[in-house]
Every structure is written in C-alpha cells, then in structure tokens.
Amino acid sequence: MKAWELSKKLITEAKPILQSKEDLVWTEDKVDLGNLEIQEQRDRWYTHVPGSRAPDMVLIGAVQATENKGYDVTEAEKLIPAIQAAYDAKDDVNFLKLVAKLYHLL
C-alpha cells in the first residue's frame, strides 16, 4: 500500500472523538526520559491532532512527502507493515529499530 493510500484511508475512516480534560494535558505523566523518547516516536507513528482529535501518522506523511519530491520510497513503504505490527504489539525495541531504518531510507 502506498503511503498516500494509507493516509487517505486513515482520514476517511476516522470517527470524531470528544476531547476530555485528560486529553488536554500531554506531558503530565511523562517523567521518565527513556519512556518519553519512546512515546515521542510512537506519537510520530500514530497520534491524534490536538483540538480536532483527527488521527495523524506523521511518519507516513514523511514517506508521502518524500515521494512527492520525486524520490523512490519503495523500500520505506515495505517497512510500514512491520512498523505497524511492532507498534500494535508494543514491541518498542523492534519498533524503534524499524523507525530508525525508515528515517535512514528517507
């Protein structure tokens, strides 16, 4: 699946979410710097936009933007399913390794 196809699917299938007061505080529970770095990378993979709470995948956008500039992102797109699987399984070690490979390819 192309990066733009995944991004389009994410947006078109999104359901509005009511924002709670808990959602307004982004860093209150982030006191461990190691966990903060992991969470920062996880948020770059999948997060919700403040205010609208629309889903957002910043790294997918990076792949799409790189392709829009005329670069070949075939190898980067091949990593997407593995990164998603590691994200879903909360396998942070493999997730971070795969994200690092993605950055290198871009």
PDB file of N, CA and C in Angstrom:
ATOM      1  N   MET A   1       0.856  -1.173   0.000  1.00  0.00           N
ATOM      2  CA  MET A   1       0.000   0.000   0.000  1.00  0.00           C
ATOM      3  C   MET A   1       0.901   1.235   0.000  1.00  0.00           C
ATOM      4  N   LYS A   2       0.598   2.186  -0.840  1.00  0.00           N
ATOM      5  CA  LYS A   2       1.354   3.424  -0.918  1.00  0.00           C
ATOM      6  C   LYS A   2       1.074   4.268   0.331  1.00  0.00           C
ATOM      7  N   ALA A   3       2.031   5.109   0.694  1.00  0.00           N
ATOM      8  CA  ALA A   3       1.881   5.947   1.887  1.00  0.00           C
ATOM      9  C   ALA A   3       0.652   6.845   1.778  1.00  0.00           C
ATOM     10  N   TRP A   4       0.421   7.425   0.605  1.00  0.00           N
ATOM     11  CA  TRP A   4      -0.725   8.323   0.456  1.00  0.00           C
ATOM     12  C   TRP A   4      -2.036   7.557   0.577  1.00  0.00           C
ATOM     13  N   GLU A   5      -2.046   6.282   0.157  1.00  0.00           N
ATOM     14  CA  GLU A   5      -3.264   5.472   0.274  1.00  0.00           C
ATOM     15  C   GLU A   5      -3.578   5.191   1.741  1.00  0.00           C
ATOM     16  N   LEU A   6      -2.544   4.884   2.526  1.00  0.00           N
ATOM     17  CA  LEU A   6      -2.739   4.642   3.949  1.00  0.00           C
ATOM     18  C   LEU A   6      -3.219   5.912   4.647  1.00  0.00           C
ATOM     19  N   SER A   7      -2.618   7.036   4.297  1.00  0.00           N
ATOM     20  CA  SER A   7      -3.013   8.316   4.885  1.00  0.00           C
ATOM     21  C   SER A   7      -4.469   8.651   4.548  1.00  0.00           C
ATOM     22  N   LYS A   8      -4.860   8.458   3.298  1.00  0.00           N
ATOM     23  CA  LYS A   8      -6.239   8.729   2.872  1.00  0.00           C
ATOM     24  C   LYS A   8      -7.217   7.811   3.599  1.00  0.00           C
ATOM     25  N   LYS A   9      -6.862   6.532   3.718  1.00  0.00           N
ATOM     26  CA  LYS A   9      -7.717   5.559   4.408  1.00  0.00           C
ATOM     27  C   LYS A   9      -7.903   5.960   5.870  1.00  0.00           C
ATOM     28  N   LEU A  10      -6.821   6.382   6.512  1.00  0.00           N
ATOM     29  CA  LEU A  10      -6.871   6.788   7.909  1.00  0.00           C
ATOM     30  C   LEU A  10      -7.838   7.949   8.108  1.00  0.00           C
ATOM     31  N   ILE A  11      -7.750   8.940   7.250  1.00  0.00           N
ATOM     32  CA  ILE A  11      -8.603  10.124   7.379  1.00  0.00           C
ATOM     33  C   ILE A  11     -10.055   9.815   7.035  1.00  0.00           C
ATOM     34  N   THR A  12     -10.295   9.062   5.960  1.00  0.00           N
ATOM     35  CA  THR A  12     -11.679   8.803   5.549  1.00  0.00           C
ATOM     36  C   THR A  12     -12.408   7.877   6.514  1.00  0.00           C
ATOM     37  N   GLU A  13     -11.681   7.030   7.234  1.00  0.00           N
ATOM     38  CA  GLU A  13     -12.321   6.117   8.181  1.00  0.00           C
ATOM     39  C   GLU A  13     -12.373   6.678   9.598  1.00  0.00           C
ATOM     40  N   ALA A  14     -11.866   7.880   9.803  1.00  0.00           N
ATOM     41  CA  ALA A  14     -11.809   8.473  11.140  1.00  0.00           C
ATOM     42  C   ALA A  14     -13.201   8.800  11.654  1.00  0.00           C
ATOM     43  N   LYS A  15     -13.400   8.578  12.930  1.00  0.00           N
ATOM     44  CA  LYS A  15     -14.643   8.931  13.604  1.00  0.00           C
ATOM     45  C   LYS A  15     -14.322  10.039  14.606  1.00  0.00           C
ATOM     46  N   PRO A  16     -15.136  11.078  14.681  1.00  0.00           N
ATOM     47  CA  PRO A  16     -14.878  12.163  15.632  1.00  0.00           C
ATOM     48  C   PRO A  16     -14.843  11.649  17.072  1.00  0.00           C
ATOM     49  N   ILE A  17     -13.942  12.212  17.856  1.00  0.00           N
ATOM     50  CA  ILE A  17     -13.794  11.839  19.259  1.00  0.00           C
ATOM     51  C   ILE A  17     -13.972  13.097  20.091  1.00  0.00           C
ATOM     52  N   LEU A  18     -14.807  13.016  21.119  1.00  0.00           N
ATOM     53  CA  LEU A  18     -14.971  14.155  22.013  1.00  0.00           C
ATOM     54  C   LEU A  18     -13.726  14.280  22.879  1.00  0.00           C
ATOM     55  N   GLN A  19     -13.199  15.479  22.980  1.00  0.00           N
ATOM     56  CA  GLN A  19     -11.991  15.711  23.759  1.00  0.00           C
ATOM     57  C   GLN A  19     -12.350  15.874  25.228  1.00  0.00           C
ATOM     58  N   SER A  20     -11.605  15.182  26.086  1.00  0.00           N
ATOM     59  CA  SER A  20     -11.836  15.286  27.523  1.00  0.00           C
ATOM     60  C   SER A  20     -10.758  16.174  28.145  1.00  0.00           C
ATOM     61  N   LYS A  21     -10.954  16.537  29.397  1.00  0.00           N
ATOM     62  CA  LYS A  21      -9.947  17.349  30.086  1.00  0.00           C
ATOM     63  C   LYS A  21      -8.624  16.596  30.189  1.00  0.00           C
ATOM     64  N   GLU A  22      -8.683  15.267  30.312  1.00  0.00           N
ATOM     65  CA  GLU A  22      -7.466  14.472  30.402  1.00  0.00           C
ATOM     66  C   GLU A  22      -6.634  14.592  29.129  1.00  0.00           C
ATOM     67  N   ASP A  23      -7.289  14.737  27.995  1.00  0.00           N
ATOM     68  CA  ASP A  23      -6.580  14.854  26.720  1.00  0.00           C
ATOM     69  C   ASP A  23      -5.832  16.173  26.587  1.00  0.00           C
ATOM     70  N   LEU A  24      -6.220  17.166  27.367  1.00  0.00           N
ATOM     71  CA  LEU A  24      -5.594  18.474  27.254  1.00  0.00           C
ATOM     72  C   LEU A  24      -4.184  18.498  27.845  1.00  0.00           C
ATOM     73  N   VAL A  25      -3.885  17.570  28.750  1.00  0.00           N
ATOM     74  CA  VAL A  25      -2.575  17.519  29.394  1.00  0.00           C
ATOM     75  C   VAL A  25      -1.750  16.442  28.702  1.00  0.00           C
ATOM     76  N   TRP A  26      -0.732  16.875  27.957  1.00  0.00           N
ATOM     77  CA  TRP A  26       0.041  15.936  27.147  1.00  0.00           C
ATOM     78  C   TRP A  26       1.248  15.365  27.865  1.00  0.00           C
ATOM     79  N   THR A  27       1.815  16.084  28.826  1.00  0.00           N
ATOM     80  CA  THR A  27       3.087  15.666  29.405  1.00  0.00           C
ATOM     81  C   THR A  27       3.019  15.378  30.896  1.00  0.00           C
ATOM     82  N   GLU A  28       1.876  15.429  31.486  1.00  0.00           N
ATOM     83  CA  GLU A  28       1.753  15.279  32.927  1.00  0.00           C
ATOM     84  C   GLU A  28       2.321  13.959  33.436  1.00  0.00           C
ATOM     85  N   ASP A  29       2.093  12.858  32.728  1.00  0.00           N
ATOM     86  CA  ASP A  29       2.526  11.544  33.197  1.00  0.00           C
ATOM     87  C   ASP A  29       3.860  11.107  32.596  1.00  0.00           C
ATOM     88  N   LYS A  30       4.581  12.004  31.952  1.00  0.00           N
ATOM     89  CA  LYS A  30       5.829  11.640  31.281  1.00  0.00           C
ATOM     90  C   LYS A  30       7.009  12.182  32.071  1.00  0.00           C
ATOM     91  N   VAL A  31       7.477  11.386  33.043  1.00  0.00           N
ATOM     92  CA  VAL A  31       8.588  11.830  33.875  1.00  0.00           C
ATOM     93  C   VAL A  31       9.878  11.083  33.568  1.00  0.00           C
ATOM     94  N   ASP A  32       9.824   9.907  32.987  1.00  0.00           N
ATOM     95  CA  ASP A  32      10.995   9.106  32.645  1.00  0.00           C
ATOM     96  C   ASP A  32      11.445   9.479  31.235  1.00  0.00           C
ATOM     97  N   LEU A  33      12.681   9.987  31.108  1.00  0.00           N
ATOM     98  CA  LEU A  33      13.152  10.446  29.800  1.00  0.00           C
ATOM     99  C   LEU A  33      13.197   9.328  28.770  1.00  0.00           C
ATOM    100  N   GLY A  34      13.552   8.110  29.192  1.00  0.00           N
ATOM    101  CA  GLY A  34      13.561   6.979  28.262  1.00  0.00           C
ATOM    102  C   GLY A  34      12.175   6.698  27.727  1.00  0.00           C
ATOM    103  N   ASN A  35      11.205   6.673  28.616  1.00  0.00           N
ATOM    104  CA  ASN A  35       9.824   6.444  28.189  1.00  0.00           C
ATOM    105  C   ASN A  35       9.306   7.605  27.357  1.00  0.00           C
ATOM    106  N   LEU A  36       9.766   8.804  27.666  1.00  0.00           N
ATOM    107  CA  LEU A  36       9.343   9.975  26.903  1.00  0.00           C
ATOM    108  C   LEU A  36       9.815   9.870  25.460  1.00  0.00           C
ATOM    109  N   GLU A  37      11.067   9.424  25.243  1.00  0.00           N
ATOM    110  CA  GLU A  37      11.602   9.263  23.887  1.00  0.00           C
ATOM    111  C   GLU A  37      10.824   8.192  23.128  1.00  0.00           C
ATOM    112  N   ILE A  38      10.551   7.076  23.782  1.00  0.00           N
ATOM    113  CA  ILE A  38       9.784   6.008  23.133  1.00  0.00           C
ATOM    114  C   ILE A  38       8.396   6.526  22.770  1.00  0.00           C
ATOM    115  N   GLN A  39       7.758   7.212  23.702  1.00  0.00           N
ATOM    116  CA  GLN A  39       6.415   7.728  23.437  1.00  0.00           C
ATOM    117  C   GLN A  39       6.436   8.764  22.320  1.00  0.00           C
ATOM    118  N   GLU A  40       7.490   9.559  22.267  1.00  0.00           N
ATOM    119  CA  GLU A  40       7.599  10.553  21.194  1.00  0.00           C
ATOM    120  C   GLU A  40       7.634   9.867  19.824  1.00  0.00           C
ATOM    121  N   GLN A  41       8.386   8.783  19.719  1.00  0.00           N
ATOM    122  CA  GLN A  41       8.449   8.051  18.449  1.00  0.00           C
ATOM    123  C   GLN A  41       7.115   7.373  18.151  1.00  0.00           C
ATOM    124  N   ARG A  42       6.473   6.823  19.191  1.00  0.00           N
ATOM    125  CA  ARG A  42       5.167   6.192  18.987  1.00  0.00           C
ATOM    126  C   ARG A  42       4.144   7.236  18.520  1.00  0.00           C
ATOM    127  N   ASP A  43       4.239   8.447  19.075  1.00  0.00           N
ATOM    128  CA  ASP A  43       3.323   9.518  18.663  1.00  0.00           C
ATOM    129  C   ASP A  43       3.584   9.952  17.228  1.00  0.00           C
ATOM    130  N   ARG A  44       4.813   9.833  16.776  1.00  0.00           N
ATOM    131  CA  ARG A  44       5.101  10.153  15.376  1.00  0.00           C
ATOM    132  C   ARG A  44       4.525   9.089  14.451  1.00  0.00           C
ATOM    133  N   TRP A  45       4.344   7.886  14.977  1.00  0.00           N
ATOM    134  CA  TRP A  45       3.738   6.841  14.149  1.00  0.00           C
ATOM    135  C   TRP A  45       2.226   7.024  14.109  1.00  0.00           C
ATOM    136  N   TYR A  46       1.616   7.228  15.278  1.00  0.00           N
ATOM    137  CA  TYR A  46       0.155   7.393  15.317  1.00  0.00           C
ATOM    138  C   TYR A  46      -0.212   8.272  16.505  1.00  0.00           C
ATOM    139  N   THR A  47      -0.962   9.307  16.241  1.00  0.00           N
ATOM    140  CA  THR A  47      -1.419  10.201  17.299  1.00  0.00           C
ATOM    141  C   THR A  47      -2.715  10.864  16.847  1.00  0.00           C
ATOM    142  N   HIS A  48      -3.248  11.687  17.698  1.00  0.00           N
ATOM    143  CA  HIS A  48      -4.439  12.469  17.359  1.00  0.00           C
ATOM    144  C   HIS A  48      -4.064  13.944  17.372  1.00  0.00           C
ATOM    145  N   VAL A  49      -4.552  14.683  16.407  1.00  0.00           N
ATOM    146  CA  VAL A  49      -4.294  16.116  16.304  1.00  0.00           C
ATOM    147  C   VAL A  49      -4.999  16.813  17.466  1.00  0.00           C
ATOM    148  N   PRO A  50      -4.300  17.725  18.157  1.00  0.00           N
ATOM    149  CA  PRO A  50      -4.959  18.462  19.242  1.00  0.00           C
ATOM    150  C   PRO A  50      -6.159  19.244  18.706  1.00  0.00           C
ATOM    151  N   GLY A  51      -7.169  19.319  19.514  1.00  0.00           N
ATOM    152  CA  GLY A  51      -8.363  20.077  19.116  1.00  0.00           C
ATOM    153  C   GLY A  51      -9.340  19.219  18.348  1.00  0.00           C
ATOM    154  N   SER A  52      -9.025  18.900  17.104  1.00  0.00           N
ATOM    155  CA  SER A  52      -9.961  18.127  16.281  1.00  0.00           C
ATOM    156  C   SER A  52      -9.926  16.650  16.629  1.00  0.00           C
ATOM    157  N   ARG A  53      -8.818  16.192  17.209  1.00  0.00           N
ATOM    158  CA  ARG A  53      -8.615  14.780  17.568  1.00  0.00           C
ATOM    159  C   ARG A  53      -8.611  13.888  16.333  1.00  0.00           C
ATOM    160  N   ALA A  54      -8.379  14.449  15.170  1.00  0.00           N
ATOM    161  CA  ALA A  54      -8.277  13.657  13.939  1.00  0.00           C
ATOM    162  C   ALA A  54      -7.032  12.779  14.024  1.00  0.00           C
ATOM    163  N   PRO A  55      -7.099  11.558  13.506  1.00  0.00           N
ATOM    164  CA  PRO A  55      -5.913  10.696  13.542  1.00  0.00           C
ATOM    165  C   PRO A  55      -4.819  11.258  12.638  1.00  0.00           C
ATOM    166  N   ASP A  56      -3.577  11.025  13.052  1.00  0.00           N
ATOM    167  CA  ASP A  56      -2.453  11.532  12.273  1.00  0.00           C
ATOM    168  C   ASP A  56      -1.284  10.558  12.375  1.00  0.00           C
ATOM    169  N   MET A  57      -0.635  10.321  11.261  1.00  0.00           N
ATOM    170  CA  MET A  57       0.559   9.473  11.204  1.00  0.00           C
ATOM    171  C   MET A  57       1.666  10.307  10.555  1.00  0.00           C
ATOM    172  N   VAL A  58       2.456  10.970  11.387  1.00  0.00           N
ATOM    173  CA  VAL A  58       3.468  11.907  10.910  1.00  0.00           C
ATOM    174  C   VAL A  58       4.493  11.210  10.025  1.00  0.00           C
ATOM    175  N   LEU A  59       4.928  10.013  10.416  1.00  0.00           N
ATOM    176  CA  LEU A  59       5.947   9.316   9.625  1.00  0.00           C
ATOM    177  C   LEU A  59       5.409   8.866   8.270  1.00  0.00           C
ATOM    178  N   ILE A  60       4.146   8.515   8.201  1.00  0.00           N
ATOM    179  CA  ILE A  60       3.550   8.177   6.907  1.00  0.00           C
ATOM    180  C   ILE A  60       3.533   9.428   6.032  1.00  0.00           C
ATOM    181  N   GLY A  61       3.246  10.558   6.647  1.00  0.00           N
ATOM    182  CA  GLY A  61       3.301  11.822   5.919  1.00  0.00           C
ATOM    183  C   GLY A  61       4.696  12.128   5.401  1.00  0.00           C
ATOM    184  N   ALA A  62       5.712  11.745   6.172  1.00  0.00           N
ATOM    185  CA  ALA A  62       7.095  11.956   5.733  1.00  0.00           C
ATOM    186  C   ALA A  62       7.417  11.100   4.515  1.00  0.00           C
ATOM    187  N   VAL A  63       6.933   9.857   4.520  1.00  0.00           N
ATOM    188  CA  VAL A  63       7.141   8.976   3.362  1.00  0.00           C
ATOM    189  C   VAL A  63       6.441   9.577   2.145  1.00  0.00           C
ATOM    190  N   GLN A  64       5.209  10.000   2.340  1.00  0.00           N
ATOM    191  CA  GLN A  64       4.431  10.582   1.246  1.00  0.00           C
ATOM    192  C   GLN A  64       5.100  11.849   0.716  1.00  0.00           C
ATOM    193  N   ALA A  65       5.577  12.707   1.611  1.00  0.00           N
ATOM    194  CA  ALA A  65       6.222  13.953   1.196  1.00  0.00           C
ATOM    195  C   ALA A  65       7.509  13.678   0.421  1.00  0.00           C
ATOM    196  N   THR A  66       8.247  12.655   0.849  1.00  0.00           N
ATOM    197  CA  THR A  66       9.482  12.288   0.145  1.00  0.00           C
ATOM    198  C   THR A  66       9.166  11.800  -1.261  1.00  0.00           C
ATOM    199  N   GLU A  67       8.103  11.002  -1.390  1.00  0.00           N
ATOM    200  CA  GLU A  67       7.696  10.535  -2.716  1.00  0.00           C
ATOM    201  C   GLU A  67       7.229  11.713  -3.577  1.00  0.00           C
ATOM    202  N   ASN A  68       6.510  12.651  -2.961  1.00  0.00           N
ATOM    203  CA  ASN A  68       6.038  13.824  -3.704  1.00  0.00           C
ATOM    204  C   ASN A  68       7.185  14.646  -4.283  1.00  0.00           C
ATOM    205  N   LYS A  69       8.354  14.552  -3.662  1.00  0.00           N
ATOM    206  CA  LYS A  69       9.537  15.259  -4.159  1.00  0.00           C
ATOM    207  C   LYS A  69      10.216  14.500  -5.296  1.00  0.00           C
ATOM    208  N   GLY A  70       9.677  13.331  -5.637  1.00  0.00           N
ATOM    209  CA  GLY A  70      10.216  12.568  -6.758  1.00  0.00           C
ATOM    210  C   GLY A  70      11.155  11.441  -6.375  1.00  0.00           C
ATOM    211  N   TYR A  71      11.326  11.200  -5.076  1.00  0.00           N
ATOM    212  CA  TYR A  71      12.210  10.130  -4.632  1.00  0.00           C
ATOM    213  C   TYR A  71      11.488   8.789  -4.634  1.00  0.00           C
ATOM    214  N   ASP A  72      12.252   7.719  -4.795  1.00  0.00           N
ATOM    215  CA  ASP A  72      11.717   6.358  -4.735  1.00  0.00           C
ATOM    216  C   ASP A  72      11.603   5.953  -3.264  1.00  0.00           C
ATOM    217  N   VAL A  73      10.405   5.675  -2.810  1.00  0.00           N
ATOM    218  CA  VAL A  73      10.178   5.305  -1.410  1.00  0.00           C
ATOM    219  C   VAL A  73       9.725   3.851  -1.274  1.00  0.00           C
ATOM    220  N   THR A  74       9.987   3.047  -2.291  1.00  0.00           N
ATOM    221  CA  THR A  74       9.545   1.654  -2.297  1.00  0.00           C
ATOM    222  C   THR A  74      10.037   0.900  -1.068  1.00  0.00           C
ATOM    223  N   GLU A  75      11.320   1.036  -0.758  1.00  0.00           N
ATOM    224  CA  GLU A  75      11.887   0.316   0.391  1.00  0.00           C
ATOM    225  C   GLU A  75      11.305   0.832   1.703  1.00  0.00           C
ATOM    226  N   ALA A  76      11.080   2.113   1.797  1.00  0.00           N
ATOM    227  CA  ALA A  76      10.485   2.687   3.005  1.00  0.00           C
ATOM    228  C   ALA A  76       9.060   2.168   3.192  1.00  0.00           C
ATOM    229  N   GLU A  77       8.302   2.097   2.105  1.00  0.00           N
ATOM    230  CA  GLU A  77       6.917   1.612   2.201  1.00  0.00           C
ATOM    231  C   GLU A  77       6.862   0.140   2.586  1.00  0.00           C
ATOM    232  N   LYS A  78       7.884  -0.621   2.242  1.00  0.00           N
ATOM    233  CA  LYS A  78       7.922  -2.035   2.636  1.00  0.00           C
ATOM    234  C   LYS A  78       8.033  -2.194   4.151  1.00  0.00           C
ATOM    235  N   LEU A  79       8.573  -1.198   4.828  1.00  0.00           N
ATOM    236  CA  LEU A  79       8.719  -1.257   6.288  1.00  0.00           C
ATOM    237  C   LEU A  79       7.412  -0.966   7.026  1.00  0.00           C
ATOM    238  N   ILE A  80       6.469  -0.323   6.369  1.00  0.00           N
ATOM    239  CA  ILE A  80       5.248   0.128   7.044  1.00  0.00           C
ATOM    240  C   ILE A  80       4.504  -1.003   7.762  1.00  0.00           C
ATOM    241  N   PRO A  81       4.238  -2.154   7.131  1.00  0.00           N
ATOM    242  CA  PRO A  81       3.521  -3.209   7.860  1.00  0.00           C
ATOM    243  C   PRO A  81       4.277  -3.715   9.093  1.00  0.00           C
ATOM    244  N   ALA A  82       5.598  -3.846   8.992  1.00  0.00           N
ATOM    245  CA  ALA A  82       6.392  -4.323  10.130  1.00  0.00           C
ATOM    246  C   ALA A  82       6.396  -3.295  11.263  1.00  0.00           C
ATOM    247  N   ILE A  83       6.489  -2.023  10.908  1.00  0.00           N
ATOM    248  CA  ILE A  83       6.443  -0.976  11.933  1.00  0.00           C
ATOM    249  C   ILE A  83       5.081  -0.982  12.615  1.00  0.00           C
ATOM    250  N   GLN A  84       4.008  -1.114  11.833  1.00  0.00           N
ATOM    251  CA  GLN A  84       2.663  -1.143  12.413  1.00  0.00           C
ATOM    252  C   GLN A  84       2.499  -2.338  13.345  1.00  0.00           C
ATOM    253  N   ALA A  85       3.024  -3.494  12.952  1.00  0.00           N
ATOM    254  CA  ALA A  85       2.924  -4.694  13.791  1.00  0.00           C
ATOM    255  C   ALA A  85       3.673  -4.496  15.109  1.00  0.00           C
ATOM    256  N   ALA A  86       4.871  -3.928  15.052  1.00  0.00           N
ATOM    257  CA  ALA A  86       5.640  -3.673  16.272  1.00  0.00           C
ATOM    258  C   ALA A  86       4.935  -2.637  17.144  1.00  0.00           C
ATOM    259  N   TYR A  87       4.347  -1.629  16.520  1.00  0.00           N
ATOM    260  CA  TYR A  87       3.589  -0.605  17.251  1.00  0.00           C
ATOM    261  C   TYR A  87       2.407  -1.247  17.972  1.00  0.00           C
ATOM    262  N   ASP A  88       1.635  -2.049  17.250  1.00  0.00           N
ATOM    263  CA  ASP A  88       0.449  -2.694  17.827  1.00  0.00           C
ATOM    264  C   ASP A  88       0.807  -3.638  18.966  1.00  0.00           C
ATOM    265  N   ALA A  89       1.943  -4.349  18.822  1.00  0.00           N
ATOM    266  CA  ALA A  89       2.376  -5.311  19.838  1.00  0.00           C
ATOM    267  C   ALA A  89       3.097  -4.632  21.003  1.00  0.00           C
ATOM    268  N   LYS A  90       3.286  -3.317  20.908  1.00  0.00           N
ATOM    269  CA  LYS A  90       4.049  -2.559  21.905  1.00  0.00           C
ATOM    270  C   LYS A  90       5.459  -3.133  22.072  1.00  0.00           C
ATOM    271  N   ASP A  91       6.016  -3.628  20.968  1.00  0.00           N
ATOM    272  CA  ASP A  91       7.386  -4.141  20.921  1.00  0.00           C
ATOM    273  C   ASP A  91       8.302  -2.957  20.614  1.00  0.00           C
ATOM    274  N   ASP A  92       8.610  -2.195  21.662  1.00  0.00           N
ATOM    275  CA  ASP A  92       9.313  -0.930  21.472  1.00  0.00           C
ATOM    276  C   ASP A  92      10.712  -1.095  20.898  1.00  0.00           C
ATOM    277  N   VAL A  93      11.399  -2.180  21.228  1.00  0.00           N
ATOM    278  CA  VAL A  93      12.751  -2.389  20.706  1.00  0.00           C
ATOM    279  C   VAL A  93      12.714  -2.514  19.186  1.00  0.00           C
ATOM    280  N   ASN A  94      11.896  -3.424  18.676  1.00  0.00           N
ATOM    281  CA  ASN A  94      11.793  -3.583  17.222  1.00  0.00           C
ATOM    282  C   ASN A  94      11.173  -2.355  16.566  1.00  0.00           C
ATOM    283  N   PHE A  95      10.214  -1.756  17.237  1.00  0.00           N
ATOM    284  CA  PHE A  95       9.589  -0.545  16.704  1.00  0.00           C
ATOM    285  C   PHE A  95      10.633   0.543  16.469  1.00  0.00           C
ATOM    286  N   LEU A  96      11.483   0.793  17.479  1.00  0.00           N
ATOM    287  CA  LEU A  96      12.498   1.837  17.350  1.00  0.00           C
ATOM    288  C   LEU A  96      13.540   1.489  16.291  1.00  0.00           C
ATOM    289  N   LYS A  97      13.903   0.213  16.189  1.00  0.00           N
ATOM    290  CA  LYS A  97      14.858  -0.211  15.153  1.00  0.00           C
ATOM    291  C   LYS A  97      14.284   0.042  13.759  1.00  0.00           C
ATOM    292  N   LEU A  98      13.033  -0.337  13.574  1.00  0.00           N
ATOM    293  CA  LEU A  98      12.397  -0.176  12.262  1.00  0.00           C
ATOM    294  C   LEU A  98      12.191   1.295  11.908  1.00  0.00           C
ATOM    295  N   VAL A  99      11.831   2.099  12.898  1.00  0.00           N
ATOM    296  CA  VAL A  99      11.666   3.531  12.651  1.00  0.00           C
ATOM    297  C   VAL A  99      13.008   4.155  12.266  1.00  0.00           C
ATOM    298  N   ALA A 100      14.084   3.712  12.921  1.00  0.00           N
ATOM    299  CA  ALA A 100      15.418   4.214  12.567  1.00  0.00           C
ATOM    300  C   ALA A 100      15.759   3.854  11.118  1.00  0.00           C
ATOM    301  N   LYS A 101      15.409   2.637  10.704  1.00  0.00           N
ATOM    302  CA  LYS A 101      15.638   2.235   9.306  1.00  0.00           C
ATOM    303  C   LYS A 101      14.819   3.117   8.356  1.00  0.00           C
ATOM    304  N   LEU A 102      13.586   3.411   8.759  1.00  0.00           N
ATOM    305  CA  LEU A 102      12.730   4.267   7.937  1.00  0.00           C
ATOM    306  C   LEU A 102      13.356   5.653   7.765  1.00  0.00           C
ATOM    307  N   TYR A 103      13.824   6.238   8.877  1.00  0.00           N
ATOM    308  CA  TYR A 103      14.495   7.542   8.793  1.00  0.00           C
ATOM    309  C   TYR A 103      15.686   7.469   7.841  1.00  0.00           C
ATOM    310  N   HIS A 104      16.461   6.403   7.947  1.00  0.00           N
ATOM    311  CA  HIS A 104      17.649   6.250   7.098  1.00  0.00           C
ATOM    312  C   HIS A 104      17.259   6.186   5.616  1.00  0.00           C
ATOM    313  N   LEU A 105      16.184   5.485   5.316  1.00  0.00           N
ATOM    314  CA  LEU A 105      15.749   5.354   3.924  1.00  0.00           C
ATOM    315  C   LEU A 105      15.197   6.663   3.357  1.00  0.00           C
ATOM    316  N   LEU A 106      14.689   7.498   4.228  1.00  0.00           N
ATOM    317  CA  LEU A 106      14.127   8.766   3.746  1.00  0.00           C
ATOM    318  C   LEU A 106      15.211   9.813   3.598  1.00  0.00           C
TER     319      LEU A 106
END
